[in-house]
PDB file of N, CA and C in Angstrom:
ATOM      1  N   UNK A   1       1.096  -1.158  -0.351  1.00  0.00           N
ATOM      2  CA  UNK A   1       0.382  -0.063  -0.371  1.00  0.00           C
ATOM      3  C   UNK A   1       1.061   1.099  -0.010  1.00  0.00           C
ATOM      4  N   UNK A   2       0.262   1.984  -0.961  1.00  0.00           N
ATOM      5  CA  UNK A   2       1.471   3.656  -1.087  1.00  0.00           C
ATOM      6  C   UNK A   2       1.078   4.409   0.782  1.00  0.00           C
ATOM      7  N   UNK A   3       1.567   5.630   0.611  1.00  0.00           N
ATOM      8  CA  UNK A   3       1.576   6.627   1.975  1.00  0.00           C
ATOM      9  C   UNK A   3       0.390   7.427   1.958  1.00  0.00           C
ATOM     10  N   UNK A   4      -0.028   7.492   3.122  1.00  0.00           N
ATOM     11  CA  UNK A   4      -1.377   8.396   3.338  1.00  0.00           C
ATOM     12  C   UNK A   4      -1.414   9.167   3.538  1.00  0.00           C
ATOM     13  N   UNK A   5      -1.784  10.168   2.418  1.00  0.00           N
ATOM     14  CA  UNK A   5      -2.331  11.884   1.382  1.00  0.00           C
ATOM     15  C   UNK A   5      -2.613  12.114   2.118  1.00  0.00           C
ATOM     16  N   UNK A   6      -4.279  12.361   2.591  1.00  0.00           N
ATOM     17  CA  UNK A   6      -5.239  12.912   3.140  1.00  0.00           C
ATOM     18  C   UNK A   6      -5.863  11.484   4.850  1.00  0.00           C
ATOM     19  N   UNK A   7      -6.627  11.626   5.381  1.00  0.00           N
ATOM     20  CA  UNK A   7      -7.089  11.505   6.577  1.00  0.00           C
ATOM     21  C   UNK A   7      -8.166  12.513   6.872  1.00  0.00           C
ATOM     22  N   UNK A   8      -9.348  12.146   6.564  1.00  0.00           N
ATOM     23  CA  UNK A   8     -10.734  12.392   7.160  1.00  0.00           C
ATOM     24  C   UNK A   8     -11.555  11.886   8.235  1.00  0.00           C
ATOM     25  N   UNK A   9     -12.010  12.662   9.176  1.00  0.00           N
ATOM     26  CA  UNK A   9     -12.313  11.974  10.668  1.00  0.00           C
ATOM     27  C   UNK A   9     -13.764  12.914  10.013  1.00  0.00           C
ATOM     28  N   UNK A  10     -15.117  11.942  10.189  1.00  0.00           N
ATOM     29  CA  UNK A  10     -16.002  12.875  10.902  1.00  0.00           C
ATOM     30  C   UNK A  10     -16.445  12.153  11.663  1.00  0.00           C
ATOM     31  N   UNK A  11     -17.936  13.491  12.197  1.00  0.00           N
ATOM     32  CA  UNK A  11     -18.595  12.760  13.830  1.00  0.00           C
ATOM     33  C   UNK A  11     -20.094  13.720  13.022  1.00  0.00           C
ATOM     34  N   UNK A  12     -21.454  12.801  13.564  1.00  0.00           N
ATOM     35  CA  UNK A  12     -22.673  13.144  12.815  1.00  0.00           C
ATOM     36  C   UNK A  12     -23.525  11.901  12.572  1.00  0.00           C
ATOM     37  N   UNK A  13     -24.808  12.439  11.944  1.00  0.00           N
ATOM     38  CA  UNK A  13     -26.217  12.108  11.119  1.00  0.00           C
ATOM     39  C   UNK A  13     -25.275  10.886  10.320  1.00  0.00           C
ATOM     40  N   UNK A  14     -25.060  10.089   9.087  1.00  0.00           N
ATOM     41  CA  UNK A  14     -24.583   9.431   8.090  1.00  0.00           C
ATOM     42  C   UNK A  14     -24.691   8.032   7.618  1.00  0.00           C
ATOM     43  N   UNK A  15     -25.766   8.021   7.189  1.00  0.00           N
ATOM     44  CA  UNK A  15     -26.694   6.601   7.048  1.00  0.00           C
ATOM     45  C   UNK A  15     -25.753   5.759   6.218  1.00  0.00           C
ATOM     46  N   UNK A  16     -24.812   6.405   5.566  1.00  0.00           N
ATOM     47  CA  UNK A  16     -24.238   5.801   4.735  1.00  0.00           C
ATOM     48  C   UNK A  16     -22.835   5.405   5.613  1.00  0.00           C
ATOM     49  N   UNK A  17     -22.286   4.965   6.263  1.00  0.00           N
ATOM     50  CA  UNK A  17     -21.105   4.690   6.601  1.00  0.00           C
ATOM     51  C   UNK A  17     -21.637   3.622   8.940  1.00  0.00           C
ATOM     52  N   UNK A  18     -22.474   3.931   9.092  1.00  0.00           N
ATOM     53  CA  UNK A  18     -22.929   3.231  10.635  1.00  0.00           C
ATOM     54  C   UNK A  18     -24.191   3.296  10.809  1.00  0.00           C
ATOM     55  N   UNK A  19     -24.196   2.113  11.310  1.00  0.00           N
ATOM     56  CA  UNK A  19     -25.756   0.681  10.962  1.00  0.00           C
ATOM     57  C   UNK A  19     -26.674   2.049  11.376  1.00  0.00           C
ATOM     58  N   UNK A  20     -25.851   2.881  12.411  1.00  0.00           N
ATOM     59  CA  UNK A  20     -27.788   3.329  13.591  1.00  0.00           C
ATOM     60  C   UNK A  20     -27.649   4.523  12.980  1.00  0.00           C
ATOM     61  N   UNK A  21     -26.887   5.029  12.067  1.00  0.00           N
ATOM     62  CA  UNK A  21     -27.033   6.787  11.570  1.00  0.00           C
ATOM     63  C   UNK A  21     -26.532   8.132  12.819  1.00  0.00           C
ATOM     64  N   UNK A  22     -25.496   7.135  13.395  1.00  0.00           N
ATOM     65  CA  UNK A  22     -24.767   8.291  14.803  1.00  0.00           C
ATOM     66  C   UNK A  22     -23.657   7.701  15.036  1.00  0.00           C
ATOM     67  N   UNK A  23     -22.349   8.810  13.982  1.00  0.00           N
ATOM     68  CA  UNK A  23     -21.130   7.585  14.705  1.00  0.00           C
ATOM     69  C   UNK A  23     -20.140   8.764  14.335  1.00  0.00           C
ATOM     70  N   UNK A  24     -18.748   7.902  14.731  1.00  0.00           N
ATOM     71  CA  UNK A  24     -17.973   8.680  13.217  1.00  0.00           C
ATOM     72  C   UNK A  24     -18.327   7.213  12.203  1.00  0.00           C
ATOM     73  N   UNK A  25     -17.272   7.746  11.765  1.00  0.00           N
ATOM     74  CA  UNK A  25     -16.260   7.530  10.597  1.00  0.00           C
ATOM     75  C   UNK A  25     -14.505   7.906  10.551  1.00  0.00           C
ATOM     76  N   UNK A  26     -13.826   7.533   9.569  1.00  0.00           N
ATOM     77  CA  UNK A  26     -12.666   7.863   9.056  1.00  0.00           C
ATOM     78  C   UNK A  26     -12.055   7.089   7.532  1.00  0.00           C
ATOM     79  N   UNK A  27     -11.808   7.647   6.645  1.00  0.00           N
ATOM     80  CA  UNK A  27     -11.510   8.160   5.394  1.00  0.00           C
ATOM     81  C   UNK A  27     -10.405   7.786   5.363  1.00  0.00           C
ATOM     82  N   UNK A  28      -9.647   7.167   5.057  1.00  0.00           N
ATOM     83  CA  UNK A  28      -7.717   7.439   4.424  1.00  0.00           C
ATOM     84  C   UNK A  28      -7.926   7.362   3.391  1.00  0.00           C
ATOM     85  N   UNK A  29      -7.826   8.400   2.428  1.00  0.00           N
ATOM     86  CA  UNK A  29      -6.609   8.421   1.085  1.00  0.00           C
ATOM     87  C   UNK A  29      -5.422   8.512   1.321  1.00  0.00           C
ATOM     88  N   UNK A  30      -5.148   7.351   0.355  1.00  0.00           N
ATOM     89  CA  UNK A  30      -3.798   6.880  -0.447  1.00  0.00           C
ATOM     90  C   UNK A  30      -3.226   7.372  -1.951  1.00  0.00           C
ATOM     91  N   UNK A  31      -1.747   7.940  -1.714  1.00  0.00           N
ATOM     92  CA  UNK A  31      -1.509   8.573  -3.019  1.00  0.00           C
ATOM     93  C   UNK A  31      -1.280   8.180  -3.668  1.00  0.00           C
ATOM     94  N   UNK A  32      -1.844   5.944  -3.724  1.00  0.00           N
ATOM     95  CA  UNK A  32      -2.232   5.717  -5.332  1.00  0.00           C
ATOM     96  C   UNK A  32      -3.651   5.637  -5.257  1.00  0.00           C
ATOM     97  N   UNK A  33      -4.915   6.841  -4.897  1.00  0.00           N
ATOM     98  CA  UNK A  33      -5.418   6.857  -5.365  1.00  0.00           C
ATOM     99  C   UNK A  33      -6.477   6.663  -4.474  1.00  0.00           C
ATOM    100  N   UNK A  34      -6.527   4.805  -4.081  1.00  0.00           N
ATOM    101  CA  UNK A  34      -7.811   4.686  -2.703  1.00  0.00           C
ATOM    102  C   UNK A  34      -8.068   4.619  -1.624  1.00  0.00           C
ATOM    103  N   UNK A  35      -9.315   4.472  -1.566  1.00  0.00           N
ATOM    104  CA  UNK A  35      -9.833   4.703  -0.360  1.00  0.00           C
ATOM    105  C   UNK A  35      -9.612   3.477   0.884  1.00  0.00           C
ATOM    106  N   UNK A  36      -9.340   3.681   2.649  1.00  0.00           N
ATOM    107  CA  UNK A  36     -10.196   2.757   2.557  1.00  0.00           C
ATOM    108  C   UNK A  36     -11.393   3.273   3.905  1.00  0.00           C
ATOM    109  N   UNK A  37     -12.183   2.474   4.255  1.00  0.00           N
ATOM    110  CA  UNK A  37     -13.739   3.406   5.578  1.00  0.00           C
ATOM    111  C   UNK A  37     -12.827   2.372   6.238  1.00  0.00           C
ATOM    112  N   UNK A  38     -13.159   2.868   8.066  1.00  0.00           N
ATOM    113  CA  UNK A  38     -12.757   2.627   9.304  1.00  0.00           C
ATOM    114  C   UNK A  38     -13.917   2.975   9.888  1.00  0.00           C
ATOM    115  N   UNK A  39     -13.929   2.039  11.134  1.00  0.00           N
ATOM    116  CA  UNK A  39     -15.322   3.093  12.149  1.00  0.00           C
ATOM    117  C   UNK A  39     -13.728   2.897  13.278  1.00  0.00           C
ATOM    118  N   UNK A  40     -12.268   3.043  13.127  1.00  0.00           N
ATOM    119  CA  UNK A  40     -11.872   3.334  14.173  1.00  0.00           C
ATOM    120  C   UNK A  40     -11.817   5.114  14.105  1.00  0.00           C
ATOM    121  N   UNK A  41     -10.821   5.478  15.496  1.00  0.00           N
ATOM    122  CA  UNK A  41     -10.215   6.697  15.535  1.00  0.00           C
ATOM    123  C   UNK A  41      -8.737   6.571  15.182  1.00  0.00           C
ATOM    124  N   UNK A  42      -8.411   7.624  14.399  1.00  0.00           N
ATOM    125  CA  UNK A  42      -7.036   7.212  13.451  1.00  0.00           C
ATOM    126  C   UNK A  42      -6.696   8.518  13.247  1.00  0.00           C
ATOM    127  N   UNK A  43      -5.851   9.354  14.044  1.00  0.00           N
ATOM    128  CA  UNK A  43      -5.515  10.310  14.712  1.00  0.00           C
ATOM    129  C   UNK A  43      -4.168  11.219  14.014  1.00  0.00           C
ATOM    130  N   UNK A  44      -5.125  12.535  13.656  1.00  0.00           N
ATOM    131  CA  UNK A  44      -5.106  13.477  12.206  1.00  0.00           C
ATOM    132  C   UNK A  44      -3.310  14.372  12.824  1.00  0.00           C
ATOM    133  N   UNK A  45      -2.529  14.068  12.707  1.00  0.00           N
ATOM    134  CA  UNK A  45      -1.011  15.082  13.173  1.00  0.00           C
ATOM    135  C   UNK A  45      -0.620  16.223  12.781  1.00  0.00           C
ATOM    136  N   UNK A  46      -1.369  17.186  11.781  1.00  0.00           N
ATOM    137  CA  UNK A  46      -1.482  18.914  11.650  1.00  0.00           C
ATOM    138  C   UNK A  46      -3.044  18.659  10.093  1.00  0.00           C
ATOM    139  N   UNK A  47      -4.473  19.149  11.648  1.00  0.00           N
ATOM    140  CA  UNK A  47      -5.165  19.447  10.434  1.00  0.00           C
ATOM    141  C   UNK A  47      -4.935  20.547   9.520  1.00  0.00           C
ATOM    142  N   UNK A  48      -5.759  20.435   8.498  1.00  0.00           N
ATOM    143  CA  UNK A  48      -5.492  21.510   7.548  1.00  0.00           C
ATOM    144  C   UNK A  48      -6.352  22.171   7.488  1.00  0.00           C
ATOM    145  N   UNK A  49      -7.942  21.335   7.637  1.00  0.00           N
ATOM    146  CA  UNK A  49      -9.490  21.854   7.081  1.00  0.00           C
ATOM    147  C   UNK A  49     -10.127  21.060   8.403  1.00  0.00           C
ATOM    148  N   UNK A  50     -11.449  21.963   9.147  1.00  0.00           N
ATOM    149  CA  UNK A  50     -12.529  21.011   8.938  1.00  0.00           C
ATOM    150  C   UNK A  50     -13.837  21.584   8.312  1.00  0.00           C
ATOM    151  N   UNK A  51     -14.824  20.945   8.626  1.00  0.00           N
ATOM    152  CA  UNK A  51     -16.210  21.630   7.633  1.00  0.00           C
ATOM    153  C   UNK A  51     -17.079  20.788   8.487  1.00  0.00           C
ATOM    154  N   UNK A  52     -18.094  21.084   8.146  1.00  0.00           N
ATOM    155  CA  UNK A  52     -19.706  20.669   8.357  1.00  0.00           C
ATOM    156  C   UNK A  52     -20.079  20.377   6.873  1.00  0.00           C
ATOM    157  N   UNK A  53     -20.805  18.922   6.157  1.00  0.00           N
ATOM    158  CA  UNK A  53     -21.276  18.355   5.362  1.00  0.00           C
ATOM    159  C   UNK A  53     -22.595  18.215   5.690  1.00  0.00           C
ATOM    160  N   UNK A  54     -23.412  18.852   4.212  1.00  0.00           N
ATOM    161  CA  UNK A  54     -25.040  18.408   4.225  1.00  0.00           C
ATOM    162  C   UNK A  54     -25.945  17.422   3.303  1.00  0.00           C
ATOM    163  N   UNK A  55     -25.471  16.698   3.160  1.00  0.00           N
ATOM    164  CA  UNK A  55     -25.445  15.842   2.027  1.00  0.00           C
ATOM    165  C   UNK A  55     -26.563  15.397   1.887  1.00  0.00           C
ATOM    166  N   UNK A  56     -27.537  15.740   1.461  1.00  0.00           N
ATOM    167  CA  UNK A  56     -29.289  15.621   1.315  1.00  0.00           C
ATOM    168  C   UNK A  56     -29.831  15.320  -0.755  1.00  0.00           C
ATOM    169  N   UNK A  57     -30.184  13.984  -0.512  1.00  0.00           N
ATOM    170  CA  UNK A  57     -30.012  12.778  -2.322  1.00  0.00           C
ATOM    171  C   UNK A  57     -28.678  13.221  -2.764  1.00  0.00           C
ATOM    172  N   UNK A  58     -28.405  14.109  -3.362  1.00  0.00           N
ATOM    173  CA  UNK A  58     -27.687  13.916  -4.711  1.00  0.00           C
ATOM    174  C   UNK A  58     -26.327  15.053  -4.644  1.00  0.00           C
ATOM    175  N   UNK A  59     -27.195  15.742  -3.345  1.00  0.00           N
ATOM    176  CA  UNK A  59     -26.623  17.838  -3.577  1.00  0.00           C
ATOM    177  C   UNK A  59     -25.904  17.674  -1.898  1.00  0.00           C
ATOM    178  N   UNK A  60     -24.188  17.669  -2.627  1.00  0.00           N
ATOM    179  CA  UNK A  60     -23.655  17.685  -0.916  1.00  0.00           C
ATOM    180  C   UNK A  60     -23.472  19.550  -0.702  1.00  0.00           C
ATOM    181  N   UNK A  61     -23.944  20.423   0.761  1.00  0.00           N
ATOM    182  CA  UNK A  61     -23.469  21.781   0.696  1.00  0.00           C
ATOM    183  C   UNK A  61     -21.965  21.335   1.607  1.00  0.00           C
ATOM    184  N   UNK A  62     -21.210  22.060   1.389  1.00  0.00           N
ATOM    185  CA  UNK A  62     -20.426  21.697   2.268  1.00  0.00           C
ATOM    186  C   UNK A  62     -19.993  23.802   2.483  1.00  0.00           C
ATOM    187  N   UNK A  63     -19.274  23.607   3.909  1.00  0.00           N
ATOM    188  CA  UNK A  63     -18.595  24.253   4.492  1.00  0.00           C
ATOM    189  C   UNK A  63     -17.973  24.740   5.420  1.00  0.00           C
ATOM    190  N   UNK A  64     -17.027  24.909   4.471  1.00  0.00           N
ATOM    191  CA  UNK A  64     -14.987  24.638   4.807  1.00  0.00           C
ATOM    192  C   UNK A  64     -14.511  25.928   5.670  1.00  0.00           C
ATOM    193  N   UNK A  65     -13.893  25.026   6.488  1.00  0.00           N
ATOM    194  CA  UNK A  65     -12.387  26.889   6.684  1.00  0.00           C
ATOM    195  C   UNK A  65     -11.550  27.069   5.758  1.00  0.00           C
ATOM    196  N   UNK A  66     -11.174  25.952   4.408  1.00  0.00           N
ATOM    197  CA  UNK A  66     -10.038  25.515   3.513  1.00  0.00           C
ATOM    198  C   UNK A  66     -11.018  27.201   2.886  1.00  0.00           C
ATOM    199  N   UNK A  67     -10.537  27.585   1.761  1.00  0.00           N
ATOM    200  CA  UNK A  67     -11.379  27.488   0.329  1.00  0.00           C
ATOM    201  C   UNK A  67     -11.199  26.534  -0.173  1.00  0.00           C
ATOM    202  N   UNK A  68     -12.443  26.471  -1.349  1.00  0.00           N
ATOM    203  CA  UNK A  68     -13.348  27.791  -0.663  1.00  0.00           C
ATOM    204  C   UNK A  68     -14.145  27.767   0.659  1.00  0.00           C
ATOM    205  N   UNK A  69     -14.286  28.095   0.802  1.00  0.00           N
ATOM    206  CA  UNK A  69     -15.404  28.702   2.299  1.00  0.00           C
ATOM    207  C   UNK A  69     -16.729  27.942   2.808  1.00  0.00           C
ATOM    208  N   UNK A  70     -17.839  28.149   0.770  1.00  0.00           N
ATOM    209  CA  UNK A  70     -18.363  27.304   0.263  1.00  0.00           C
ATOM    210  C   UNK A  70     -19.254  26.837  -0.961  1.00  0.00           C
ATOM    211  N   UNK A  71     -19.987  25.236  -0.957  1.00  0.00           N
ATOM    212  CA  UNK A  71     -19.316  25.080  -2.368  1.00  0.00           C
ATOM    213  C   UNK A  71     -20.742  24.271  -1.805  1.00  0.00           C
ATOM    214  N   UNK A  72     -21.408  24.063  -3.233  1.00  0.00           N
ATOM    215  CA  UNK A  72     -22.473  22.414  -3.735  1.00  0.00           C
ATOM    216  C   UNK A  72     -21.855  22.130  -5.031  1.00  0.00           C
ATOM    217  N   UNK A  73     -21.725  20.670  -4.403  1.00  0.00           N
ATOM    218  CA  UNK A  73     -21.554  20.185  -5.650  1.00  0.00           C
ATOM    219  C   UNK A  73     -22.576  18.105  -5.339  1.00  0.00           C
ATOM    220  N   UNK A  74     -22.269  18.178  -6.380  1.00  0.00           N
ATOM    221  CA  UNK A  74     -23.650  16.868  -7.071  1.00  0.00           C
ATOM    222  C   UNK A  74     -22.760  15.657  -6.927  1.00  0.00           C
ATOM    223  N   UNK A  75     -24.100  14.331  -5.870  1.00  0.00           N
ATOM    224  CA  UNK A  75     -22.779  13.580  -6.577  1.00  0.00           C
ATOM    225  C   UNK A  75     -24.118  12.502  -7.402  1.00  0.00           C
ATOM    226  N   UNK A  76     -22.936  10.758  -7.384  1.00  0.00           N
ATOM    227  CA  UNK A  76     -24.105   9.983  -8.202  1.00  0.00           C
ATOM    228  C   UNK A  76     -25.118   9.405  -7.892  1.00  0.00           C
ATOM    229  N   UNK A  77     -24.738   9.113  -6.211  1.00  0.00           N
ATOM    230  CA  UNK A  77     -25.563   8.419  -6.017  1.00  0.00           C
ATOM    231  C   UNK A  77     -26.451   9.729  -4.089  1.00  0.00           C
ATOM    232  N   UNK A  78     -27.262   8.273  -4.030  1.00  0.00           N
ATOM    233  CA  UNK A  78     -28.069   8.877  -2.589  1.00  0.00           C
ATOM    234  C   UNK A  78     -27.709   8.970  -1.539  1.00  0.00           C
ATOM    235  N   UNK A  79     -27.793  10.200  -0.209  1.00  0.00           N
ATOM    236  CA  UNK A  79     -27.582   9.948   0.681  1.00  0.00           C
ATOM    237  C   UNK A  79     -27.725  10.546   1.899  1.00  0.00           C
ATOM    238  N   UNK A  80     -27.918  10.537   3.183  1.00  0.00           N
ATOM    239  CA  UNK A  80     -28.113  11.393   3.913  1.00  0.00           C
ATOM    240  C   UNK A  80     -27.552  11.633   4.990  1.00  0.00           C
ATOM    241  N   UNK A  81     -26.595  12.740   4.955  1.00  0.00           N
ATOM    242  CA  UNK A  81     -25.535  12.873   5.945  1.00  0.00           C
ATOM    243  C   UNK A  81     -25.519  14.349   6.695  1.00  0.00           C
ATOM    244  N   UNK A  82     -25.638  14.055   7.532  1.00  0.00           N
ATOM    245  CA  UNK A  82     -24.986  16.302   7.731  1.00  0.00           C
ATOM    246  C   UNK A  82     -23.742  15.510   9.186  1.00  0.00           C
ATOM    247  N   UNK A  83     -22.783  16.164   9.016  1.00  0.00           N
ATOM    248  CA  UNK A  83     -21.430  15.559  10.061  1.00  0.00           C
ATOM    249  C   UNK A  83     -20.348  16.761  10.139  1.00  0.00           C
ATOM    250  N   UNK A  84     -19.684  16.534  10.619  1.00  0.00           N
ATOM    251  CA  UNK A  84     -18.942  17.700  11.409  1.00  0.00           C
ATOM    252  C   UNK A  84     -17.413  16.888  10.687  1.00  0.00           C
ATOM    253  N   UNK A  85     -16.553  17.508  10.413  1.00  0.00           N
ATOM    254  CA  UNK A  85     -15.177  16.528   9.843  1.00  0.00           C
ATOM    255  C   UNK A  85     -13.976  17.212  10.369  1.00  0.00           C
ATOM    256  N   UNK A  86     -12.569  16.684  10.036  1.00  0.00           N
ATOM    257  CA  UNK A  86     -12.045  17.422  10.022  1.00  0.00           C
ATOM    258  C   UNK A  86     -10.948  15.980   9.349  1.00  0.00           C
ATOM    259  N   UNK A  87      -9.385  16.702   8.482  1.00  0.00           N
ATOM    260  CA  UNK A  87      -9.596  16.343   7.655  1.00  0.00           C
ATOM    261  C   UNK A  87      -8.401  17.444   7.675  1.00  0.00           C
ATOM    262  N   UNK A  88      -7.086  16.722   7.015  1.00  0.00           N
ATOM    263  CA  UNK A  88      -5.491  16.560   7.056  1.00  0.00           C
ATOM    264  C   UNK A  88      -4.587  15.425   7.030  1.00  0.00           C
ATOM    265  N   UNK A  89      -3.089  15.361   7.537  1.00  0.00           N
ATOM    266  CA  UNK A  89      -2.500  14.226   7.781  1.00  0.00           C
ATOM    267  C   UNK A  89      -1.909  13.494   8.279  1.00  0.00           C
TER     268      UNK A  89
END
């Protein structure tokens, strides 16, 4: 496996990654483009950004401490998620 490029720790309402909806999940992105999801807490040595993500249907609203501070994205799959997250290396 290649080196870790970015880590995302998310907390909140997420029916995609938590059996009962509420909880925490961690996504690890590697330099080769692969990703790994886990429910274990992975410590972020250096936090790059904090964000709120509201995913309703196929539209995601993101409020981020990094630029752009607000954006809207369209996804190909349907989900419902309201989470607070931290990203870094």
